[in-house]
Amino acid sequence: MSFLITMGIFFLVMYFLMIRPQQKRQKEHEAMLGALKKGDVVRTDSGIRGEIVGIDDRDVQLLIAEKTKINILKSRIAGLDSPPATNEKK
């Protein structure tokens, strides 16, 4: 009987320390992907940063350099990023 209680406590601890936070992060990521729009600057899982110039249900077209566009899966977007700072001298 004490073994079952110990296993139950162990499962509860694992749930609250590992499973629940991962589910929360997944929901936040899905909400971020649903809110993407043209003009957003994003970062991919592989570290590529670009501006969204086209978007549909599955794919995103990123402008990563002047006249350079790539198509990626929407699910491969890691998060929003800030636009690159301009280094203009006055």
PDB file of N, CA and C in Angstrom:
ATOM      1  N   MET A   1       0.824  -1.203   0.000  1.00  0.00           N
ATOM      2  CA  MET A   1       0.000   0.000   0.000  1.00  0.00           C
ATOM      3  C   MET A   1       0.864   1.261   0.000  1.00  0.00           C
ATOM      4  N   SER A   2       1.934   1.254   0.801  1.00  0.00           N
ATOM      5  CA  SER A   2       2.790   2.444   0.846  1.00  0.00           C
ATOM      6  C   SER A   2       3.484   2.666  -0.500  1.00  0.00           C
ATOM      7  N   PHE A   3       3.734   1.582  -1.246  1.00  0.00           N
ATOM      8  CA  PHE A   3       4.337   1.706  -2.573  1.00  0.00           C
ATOM      9  C   PHE A   3       3.414   2.480  -3.508  1.00  0.00           C
ATOM     10  N   LEU A   4       2.123   2.186  -3.466  1.00  0.00           N
ATOM     11  CA  LEU A   4       1.165   2.889  -4.322  1.00  0.00           C
ATOM     12  C   LEU A   4       1.069   4.370  -3.951  1.00  0.00           C
ATOM     13  N   ILE A   5       1.101   4.677  -2.688  1.00  0.00           N
ATOM     14  CA  ILE A   5       1.064   6.072  -2.241  1.00  0.00           C
ATOM     15  C   ILE A   5       2.323   6.802  -2.710  1.00  0.00           C
ATOM     16  N   THR A   6       3.470   6.156  -2.567  1.00  0.00           N
ATOM     17  CA  THR A   6       4.729   6.747  -3.013  1.00  0.00           C
ATOM     18  C   THR A   6       4.716   6.991  -4.523  1.00  0.00           C
ATOM     19  N   MET A   7       4.239   6.040  -5.296  1.00  0.00           N
ATOM     20  CA  MET A   7       4.157   6.201  -6.750  1.00  0.00           C
ATOM     21  C   MET A   7       3.174   7.300  -7.125  1.00  0.00           C
ATOM     22  N   GLY A   8       2.077   7.402  -6.396  1.00  0.00           N
ATOM     23  CA  GLY A   8       1.105   8.473  -6.658  1.00  0.00           C
ATOM     24  C   GLY A   8       1.701   9.847  -6.397  1.00  0.00           C
ATOM     25  N   ILE A   9       2.416   9.978  -5.304  1.00  0.00           N
ATOM     26  CA  ILE A   9       3.073  11.249  -4.990  1.00  0.00           C
ATOM     27  C   ILE A   9       4.132  11.568  -6.047  1.00  0.00           C
ATOM     28  N   PHE A  10       4.900  10.561  -6.443  1.00  0.00           N
ATOM     29  CA  PHE A  10       5.921  10.744  -7.473  1.00  0.00           C
ATOM     30  C   PHE A  10       5.289  11.218  -8.780  1.00  0.00           C
ATOM     31  N   PHE A  11       4.178  10.613  -9.181  1.00  0.00           N
ATOM     32  CA  PHE A  11       3.490  11.019 -10.410  1.00  0.00           C
ATOM     33  C   PHE A  11       2.997  12.460 -10.310  1.00  0.00           C
ATOM     34  N   LEU A  12       2.422  12.838  -9.182  1.00  0.00           N
ATOM     35  CA  LEU A  12       1.947  14.216  -9.011  1.00  0.00           C
ATOM     36  C   LEU A  12       3.090  15.225  -9.107  1.00  0.00           C
ATOM     37  N   VAL A  13       4.205  14.919  -8.475  1.00  0.00           N
ATOM     38  CA  VAL A  13       5.365  15.810  -8.545  1.00  0.00           C
ATOM     39  C   VAL A  13       5.842  15.931  -9.993  1.00  0.00           C
ATOM     40  N   MET A  14       5.957  14.820 -10.700  1.00  0.00           N
ATOM     41  CA  MET A  14       6.381  14.838 -12.104  1.00  0.00           C
ATOM     42  C   MET A  14       5.410  15.648 -12.961  1.00  0.00           C
ATOM     43  N   TYR A  15       4.122  15.497 -12.694  1.00  0.00           N
ATOM     44  CA  TYR A  15       3.121  16.229 -13.470  1.00  0.00           C
ATOM     45  C   TYR A  15       3.295  17.734 -13.285  1.00  0.00           C
ATOM     46  N   PHE A  16       3.402  18.180 -12.049  1.00  0.00           N
ATOM     47  CA  PHE A  16       3.464  19.611 -11.794  1.00  0.00           C
ATOM     48  C   PHE A  16       4.821  20.230 -12.122  1.00  0.00           C
ATOM     49  N   LEU A  17       5.880  19.432 -12.139  1.00  0.00           N
ATOM     50  CA  LEU A  17       7.201  19.978 -12.445  1.00  0.00           C
ATOM     51  C   LEU A  17       7.595  19.847 -13.915  1.00  0.00           C
ATOM     52  N   MET A  18       7.017  18.887 -14.628  1.00  0.00           N
ATOM     53  CA  MET A  18       7.457  18.653 -16.003  1.00  0.00           C
ATOM     54  C   MET A  18       6.337  18.724 -17.030  1.00  0.00           C
ATOM     55  N   ILE A  19       5.289  18.000 -16.833  1.00  0.00           N
ATOM     56  CA  ILE A  19       4.252  17.880 -17.855  1.00  0.00           C
ATOM     57  C   ILE A  19       3.438  19.157 -17.983  1.00  0.00           C
ATOM     58  N   ARG A  20       2.967  19.698 -16.897  1.00  0.00           N
ATOM     59  CA  ARG A  20       2.112  20.898 -16.936  1.00  0.00           C
ATOM     60  C   ARG A  20       2.832  22.110 -17.524  1.00  0.00           C
ATOM     61  N   PRO A  21       4.077  22.427 -17.118  1.00  0.00           N
ATOM     62  CA  PRO A  21       4.765  23.567 -17.736  1.00  0.00           C
ATOM     63  C   PRO A  21       4.989  23.384 -19.238  1.00  0.00           C
ATOM     64  N   GLN A  22       5.267  22.154 -19.680  1.00  0.00           N
ATOM     65  CA  GLN A  22       5.463  21.910 -21.109  1.00  0.00           C
ATOM     66  C   GLN A  22       4.167  22.146 -21.874  1.00  0.00           C
ATOM     67  N   GLN A  23       3.045  21.728 -21.331  1.00  0.00           N
ATOM     68  CA  GLN A  23       1.762  21.963 -21.982  1.00  0.00           C
ATOM     69  C   GLN A  23       1.465  23.458 -22.065  1.00  0.00           C
ATOM     70  N   LYS A  24       1.817  24.201 -21.027  1.00  0.00           N
ATOM     71  CA  LYS A  24       1.604  25.645 -21.026  1.00  0.00           C
ATOM     72  C   LYS A  24       2.452  26.317 -22.102  1.00  0.00           C
ATOM     73  N   ARG A  25       3.738  25.921 -22.208  1.00  0.00           N
ATOM     74  CA  ARG A  25       4.611  26.492 -23.245  1.00  0.00           C
ATOM     75  C   ARG A  25       4.090  26.160 -24.639  1.00  0.00           C
ATOM     76  N   GLN A  26       3.581  24.944 -24.823  1.00  0.00           N
ATOM     77  CA  GLN A  26       3.043  24.542 -26.118  1.00  0.00           C
ATOM     78  C   GLN A  26       1.832  25.390 -26.501  1.00  0.00           C
ATOM     79  N   LYS A  27       0.940  25.645 -25.559  1.00  0.00           N
ATOM     80  CA  LYS A  27      -0.228  26.483 -25.834  1.00  0.00           C
ATOM     81  C   LYS A  27       0.183  27.911 -26.182  1.00  0.00           C
ATOM     82  N   GLU A  28       1.177  28.451 -25.468  1.00  0.00           N
ATOM     83  CA  GLU A  28       1.665  29.801 -25.759  1.00  0.00           C
ATOM     84  C   GLU A  28       2.282  29.870 -27.150  1.00  0.00           C
ATOM     85  N   HIS A  29       3.022  28.838 -27.540  1.00  0.00           N
ATOM     86  CA  HIS A  29       3.648  28.801 -28.866  1.00  0.00           C
ATOM     87  C   HIS A  29       2.584  28.734 -29.954  1.00  0.00           C
ATOM     88  N   GLU A  30       1.576  27.910 -29.757  1.00  0.00           N
ATOM     89  CA  GLU A  30       0.494  27.805 -30.733  1.00  0.00           C
ATOM     90  C   GLU A  30      -0.263  29.123 -30.860  1.00  0.00           C
ATOM     91  N   ALA A  31      -0.470  29.825 -29.747  1.00  0.00           N
ATOM     92  CA  ALA A  31      -1.141  31.128 -29.791  1.00  0.00           C
ATOM     93  C   ALA A  31      -0.285  32.145 -30.546  1.00  0.00           C
ATOM     94  N   MET A  32       1.032  32.112 -30.329  1.00  0.00           N
ATOM     95  CA  MET A  32       1.932  33.015 -31.037  1.00  0.00           C
ATOM     96  C   MET A  32       1.900  32.733 -32.537  1.00  0.00           C
ATOM     97  N   LEU A  33       1.907  31.456 -32.922  1.00  0.00           N
ATOM     98  CA  LEU A  33       1.852  31.106 -34.337  1.00  0.00           C
ATOM     99  C   LEU A  33       0.539  31.557 -34.970  1.00  0.00           C
ATOM    100  N   GLY A  34      -0.545  31.462 -34.227  1.00  0.00           N
ATOM    101  CA  GLY A  34      -1.841  31.894 -34.745  1.00  0.00           C
ATOM    102  C   GLY A  34      -1.953  33.395 -34.918  1.00  0.00           C
ATOM    103  N   ALA A  35      -1.151  34.152 -34.180  1.00  0.00           N
ATOM    104  CA  ALA A  35      -1.225  35.608 -34.227  1.00  0.00           C
ATOM    105  C   ALA A  35      -0.216  36.228 -35.199  1.00  0.00           C
ATOM    106  N   LEU A  36       0.572  35.398 -35.897  1.00  0.00           N
ATOM    107  CA  LEU A  36       1.564  35.952 -36.826  1.00  0.00           C
ATOM    108  C   LEU A  36       0.887  36.677 -37.980  1.00  0.00           C
ATOM    109  N   LYS A  37       1.546  37.736 -38.453  1.00  0.00           N
ATOM    110  CA  LYS A  37       1.009  38.500 -39.586  1.00  0.00           C
ATOM    111  C   LYS A  37       2.168  39.046 -40.405  1.00  0.00           C
ATOM    112  N   LYS A  38       1.854  39.539 -41.595  1.00  0.00           N
ATOM    113  CA  LYS A  38       2.878  40.129 -42.453  1.00  0.00           C
ATOM    114  C   LYS A  38       3.534  41.296 -41.727  1.00  0.00           C
ATOM    115  N   GLY A  39       4.843  41.407 -41.889  1.00  0.00           N
ATOM    116  CA  GLY A  39       5.583  42.489 -41.263  1.00  0.00           C
ATOM    117  C   GLY A  39       6.226  42.113 -39.940  1.00  0.00           C
ATOM    118  N   ASP A  40       5.800  41.008 -39.335  1.00  0.00           N
ATOM    119  CA  ASP A  40       6.424  40.553 -38.083  1.00  0.00           C
ATOM    120  C   ASP A  40       7.833  40.050 -38.370  1.00  0.00           C
ATOM    121  N   VAL A  41       8.754  40.346 -37.481  1.00  0.00           N
ATOM    122  CA  VAL A  41      10.113  39.819 -37.576  1.00  0.00           C
ATOM    123  C   VAL A  41      10.183  38.616 -36.649  1.00  0.00           C
ATOM    124  N   VAL A  42      10.587  37.467 -37.212  1.00  0.00           N
ATOM    125  CA  VAL A  42      10.596  36.223 -36.464  1.00  0.00           C
ATOM    126  C   VAL A  42      11.964  35.558 -36.542  1.00  0.00           C
ATOM    127  N   ARG A  43      12.170  34.605 -35.637  1.00  0.00           N
ATOM    128  CA  ARG A  43      13.385  33.800 -35.595  1.00  0.00           C
ATOM    129  C   ARG A  43      12.965  32.348 -35.717  1.00  0.00           C
ATOM    130  N   THR A  44      13.665  31.593 -36.571  1.00  0.00           N
ATOM    131  CA  THR A  44      13.338  30.185 -36.763  1.00  0.00           C
ATOM    132  C   THR A  44      14.095  29.327 -35.762  1.00  0.00           C
ATOM    133  N   ASP A  45      13.764  28.047 -35.724  1.00  0.00           N
ATOM    134  CA  ASP A  45      14.467  27.097 -34.861  1.00  0.00           C
ATOM    135  C   ASP A  45      15.950  27.025 -35.197  1.00  0.00           C
ATOM    136  N   SER A  46      16.286  27.233 -36.461  1.00  0.00           N
ATOM    137  CA  SER A  46      17.683  27.134 -36.881  1.00  0.00           C
ATOM    138  C   SER A  46      18.438  28.450 -36.722  1.00  0.00           C
ATOM    139  N   GLY A  47      17.768  29.501 -36.243  1.00  0.00           N
ATOM    140  CA  GLY A  47      18.447  30.759 -35.975  1.00  0.00           C
ATOM    141  C   GLY A  47      18.349  31.787 -37.080  1.00  0.00           C
ATOM    142  N   ILE A  48      17.589  31.512 -38.122  1.00  0.00           N
ATOM    143  CA  ILE A  48      17.424  32.471 -39.205  1.00  0.00           C
ATOM    144  C   ILE A  48      16.394  33.508 -38.779  1.00  0.00           C
ATOM    145  N   ARG A  49      16.748  34.772 -38.965  1.00  0.00           N
ATOM    146  CA  ARG A  49      15.822  35.850 -38.636  1.00  0.00           C
ATOM    147  C   ARG A  49      15.343  36.477 -39.941  1.00  0.00           C
ATOM    148  N   GLY A  50      14.056  36.771 -40.013  1.00  0.00           N
ATOM    149  CA  GLY A  50      13.517  37.380 -41.212  1.00  0.00           C
ATOM    150  C   GLY A  50      12.166  38.013 -40.958  1.00  0.00           C
ATOM    151  N   GLU A  51      11.742  38.785 -41.932  1.00  0.00           N
ATOM    152  CA  GLU A  51      10.442  39.463 -41.870  1.00  0.00           C
ATOM    153  C   GLU A  51       9.437  38.667 -42.676  1.00  0.00           C
ATOM    154  N   ILE A  52       8.263  38.473 -42.124  1.00  0.00           N
ATOM    155  CA  ILE A  52       7.217  37.721 -42.811  1.00  0.00           C
ATOM    156  C   ILE A  52       6.669  38.573 -43.961  1.00  0.00           C
ATOM    157  N   VAL A  53       6.734  38.020 -45.183  1.00  0.00           N
ATOM    158  CA  VAL A  53       6.176  38.713 -46.343  1.00  0.00           C
ATOM    159  C   VAL A  53       5.006  37.949 -46.942  1.00  0.00           C
ATOM    160  N   GLY A  54       4.837  36.702 -46.519  1.00  0.00           N
ATOM    161  CA  GLY A  54       3.710  35.900 -46.969  1.00  0.00           C
ATOM    162  C   GLY A  54       3.423  34.835 -45.933  1.00  0.00           C
ATOM    163  N   ILE A  55       2.141  34.535 -45.744  1.00  0.00           N
ATOM    164  CA  ILE A  55       1.774  33.556 -44.711  1.00  0.00           C
ATOM    165  C   ILE A  55       0.484  32.856 -45.127  1.00  0.00           C
ATOM    166  N   ASP A  56       0.434  31.553 -44.894  1.00  0.00           N
ATOM    167  CA  ASP A  56      -0.807  30.804 -45.054  1.00  0.00           C
ATOM    168  C   ASP A  56      -0.924  29.815 -43.897  1.00  0.00           C
ATOM    169  N   ASP A  57      -1.806  28.847 -44.002  1.00  0.00           N
ATOM    170  CA  ASP A  57      -2.061  27.942 -42.878  1.00  0.00           C
ATOM    171  C   ASP A  57      -0.841  27.120 -42.480  1.00  0.00           C
ATOM    172  N   ARG A  58      -0.018  26.737 -43.460  1.00  0.00           N
ATOM    173  CA  ARG A  58       1.084  25.812 -43.182  1.00  0.00           C
ATOM    174  C   ARG A  58       2.465  26.434 -43.363  1.00  0.00           C
ATOM    175  N   ASP A  59       2.606  27.335 -44.321  1.00  0.00           N
ATOM    176  CA  ASP A  59       3.911  27.880 -44.686  1.00  0.00           C
ATOM    177  C   ASP A  59       4.001  29.370 -44.409  1.00  0.00           C
ATOM    178  N   VAL A  60       5.255  29.821 -44.274  1.00  0.00           N
ATOM    179  CA  VAL A  60       5.549  31.240 -44.084  1.00  0.00           C
ATOM    180  C   VAL A  60       6.667  31.593 -45.053  1.00  0.00           C
ATOM    181  N   GLN A  61       6.539  32.746 -45.713  1.00  0.00           N
ATOM    182  CA  GLN A  61       7.610  33.225 -46.581  1.00  0.00           C
ATOM    183  C   GLN A  61       8.328  34.346 -45.851  1.00  0.00           C
ATOM    184  N   LEU A  62       9.651  34.168 -45.670  1.00  0.00           N
ATOM    185  CA  LEU A  62      10.462  35.139 -44.946  1.00  0.00           C
ATOM    186  C   LEU A  62      11.387  35.877 -45.891  1.00  0.00           C
ATOM    187  N   LEU A  63      11.514  37.175 -45.660  1.00  0.00           N
ATOM    188  CA  LEU A  63      12.511  37.996 -46.342  1.00  0.00           C
ATOM    189  C   LEU A  63      13.708  38.056 -45.409  1.00  0.00           C
ATOM    190  N   ILE A  64      14.811  37.378 -45.797  1.00  0.00           N
ATOM    191  CA  ILE A  64      15.960  37.290 -44.906  1.00  0.00           C
ATOM    192  C   ILE A  64      17.081  38.233 -45.309  1.00  0.00           C
ATOM    193  N   ALA A  65      17.053  38.732 -46.520  1.00  0.00           N
ATOM    194  CA  ALA A  65      18.006  39.726 -47.013  1.00  0.00           C
ATOM    195  C   ALA A  65      17.332  40.430 -48.189  1.00  0.00           C
ATOM    196  N   GLU A  66      17.944  41.470 -48.656  1.00  0.00           N
ATOM    197  CA  GLU A  66      17.360  42.194 -49.775  1.00  0.00           C
ATOM    198  C   GLU A  66      17.214  41.249 -50.967  1.00  0.00           C
ATOM    199  N   LYS A  67      15.982  41.098 -51.455  1.00  0.00           N
ATOM    200  CA  LYS A  67      15.626  40.241 -52.588  1.00  0.00           C
ATOM    201  C   LYS A  67      15.876  38.752 -52.335  1.00  0.00           C
ATOM    202  N   THR A  68      15.933  38.338 -51.072  1.00  0.00           N
ATOM    203  CA  THR A  68      16.127  36.921 -50.735  1.00  0.00           C
ATOM    204  C   THR A  68      14.982  36.458 -49.848  1.00  0.00           C
ATOM    205  N   LYS A  69      14.146  35.582 -50.403  1.00  0.00           N
ATOM    206  CA  LYS A  69      12.990  35.059 -49.673  1.00  0.00           C
ATOM    207  C   LYS A  69      13.124  33.550 -49.561  1.00  0.00           C
ATOM    208  N   ILE A  70      12.695  33.020 -48.428  1.00  0.00           N
ATOM    209  CA  ILE A  70      12.664  31.574 -48.227  1.00  0.00           C
ATOM    210  C   ILE A  70      11.289  31.175 -47.702  1.00  0.00           C
ATOM    211  N   ASN A  71      10.910  29.952 -48.008  1.00  0.00           N
ATOM    212  CA  ASN A  71       9.670  29.393 -47.485  1.00  0.00           C
ATOM    213  C   ASN A  71      10.020  28.400 -46.390  1.00  0.00           C
ATOM    214  N   ILE A  72       9.338  28.508 -45.250  1.00  0.00           N
ATOM    215  CA  ILE A  72       9.545  27.569 -44.150  1.00  0.00           C
ATOM    216  C   ILE A  72       8.188  27.131 -43.615  1.00  0.00           C
ATOM    217  N   LEU A  73       8.203  26.045 -42.873  1.00  0.00           N
ATOM    218  CA  LEU A  73       6.987  25.611 -42.202  1.00  0.00           C
ATOM    219  C   LEU A  73       6.694  26.551 -41.041  1.00  0.00           C
ATOM    220  N   LYS A  74       5.451  26.877 -40.865  1.00  0.00           N
ATOM    221  CA  LYS A  74       5.049  27.774 -39.775  1.00  0.00           C
ATOM    222  C   LYS A  74       5.452  27.212 -38.417  1.00  0.00           C
ATOM    223  N   SER A  75       5.408  25.909 -38.280  1.00  0.00           N
ATOM    224  CA  SER A  75       5.731  25.281 -36.997  1.00  0.00           C
ATOM    225  C   SER A  75       7.206  25.410 -36.628  1.00  0.00           C
ATOM    226  N   ARG A  76       8.070  25.768 -37.570  1.00  0.00           N
ATOM    227  CA  ARG A  76       9.503  25.905 -37.315  1.00  0.00           C
ATOM    228  C   ARG A  76       9.873  27.292 -36.809  1.00  0.00           C
ATOM    229  N   ILE A  77       8.901  28.170 -36.639  1.00  0.00           N
ATOM    230  CA  ILE A  77       9.169  29.500 -36.093  1.00  0.00           C
ATOM    231  C   ILE A  77       9.287  29.378 -34.584  1.00  0.00           C
ATOM    232  N   ALA A  78      10.421  29.832 -34.051  1.00  0.00           N
ATOM    233  CA  ALA A  78      10.686  29.719 -32.614  1.00  0.00           C
ATOM    234  C   ALA A  78      10.042  30.861 -31.843  1.00  0.00           C
ATOM    235  N   GLY A  79       9.992  32.042 -32.429  1.00  0.00           N
ATOM    236  CA  GLY A  79       9.402  33.161 -31.713  1.00  0.00           C
ATOM    237  C   GLY A  79       9.549  34.472 -32.456  1.00  0.00           C
ATOM    238  N   LEU A  80       8.910  35.479 -31.917  1.00  0.00           N
ATOM    239  CA  LEU A  80       9.027  36.819 -32.470  1.00  0.00           C
ATOM    240  C   LEU A  80      10.384  37.391 -32.084  1.00  0.00           C
ATOM    241  N   ASP A  81      10.909  38.248 -32.926  1.00  0.00           N
ATOM    242  CA  ASP A  81      12.201  38.855 -32.685  1.00  0.00           C
ATOM    243  C   ASP A  81      12.074  40.345 -32.978  1.00  0.00           C
ATOM    244  N   SER A  82      12.975  41.122 -32.441  1.00  0.00           N
ATOM    245  CA  SER A  82      12.952  42.556 -32.715  1.00  0.00           C
ATOM    246  C   SER A  82      13.669  42.822 -34.017  1.00  0.00           C
ATOM    247  N   PRO A  83      13.264  43.877 -34.744  1.00  0.00           N
ATOM    248  CA  PRO A  83      13.946  44.206 -35.990  1.00  0.00           C
ATOM    249  C   PRO A  83      15.417  44.530 -35.715  1.00  0.00           C
ATOM    250  N   PRO A  84      16.299  44.238 -36.672  1.00  0.00           N
ATOM    251  CA  PRO A  84      17.701  44.544 -36.453  1.00  0.00           C
ATOM    252  C   PRO A  84      17.930  46.036 -36.321  1.00  0.00           C
ATOM    253  N   ALA A  85      18.835  46.405 -35.434  1.00  0.00           N
ATOM    254  CA  ALA A  85      19.144  47.818 -35.216  1.00  0.00           C
ATOM    255  C   ALA A  85      19.937  48.341 -36.399  1.00  0.00           C
ATOM    256  N   THR A  86      19.668  49.569 -36.786  1.00  0.00           N
ATOM    257  CA  THR A  86      20.426  50.189 -37.874  1.00  0.00           C
ATOM    258  C   THR A  86      21.616  50.929 -37.292  1.00  0.00           C
ATOM    259  N   ASN A  87      22.735  50.772 -37.915  1.00  0.00           N
ATOM    260  CA  ASN A  87      23.959  51.400 -37.464  1.00  0.00           C
ATOM    261  C   ASN A  87      24.304  52.579 -38.370  1.00  0.00           C
ATOM    262  N   GLU A  88      23.493  53.583 -38.314  1.00  0.00           N
ATOM    263  CA  GLU A  88      23.722  54.766 -39.145  1.00  0.00           C
ATOM    264  C   GLU A  88      24.596  55.761 -38.404  1.00  0.00           C
ATOM    265  N   LYS A  89      25.602  56.275 -39.094  1.00  0.00           N
ATOM    266  CA  LYS A  89      26.474  57.287 -38.511  1.00  0.00           C
ATOM    267  C   LYS A  89      25.934  58.653 -38.872  1.00  0.00           C
ATOM    268  N   LYS A  90      26.027  59.551 -37.924  1.00  0.00           N
ATOM    269  CA  LYS A  90      25.525  60.905 -38.174  1.00  0.00           C
ATOM    270  C   LYS A  90      26.661  61.850 -38.388  1.00  0.00           C
TER     271      LYS A  90
END
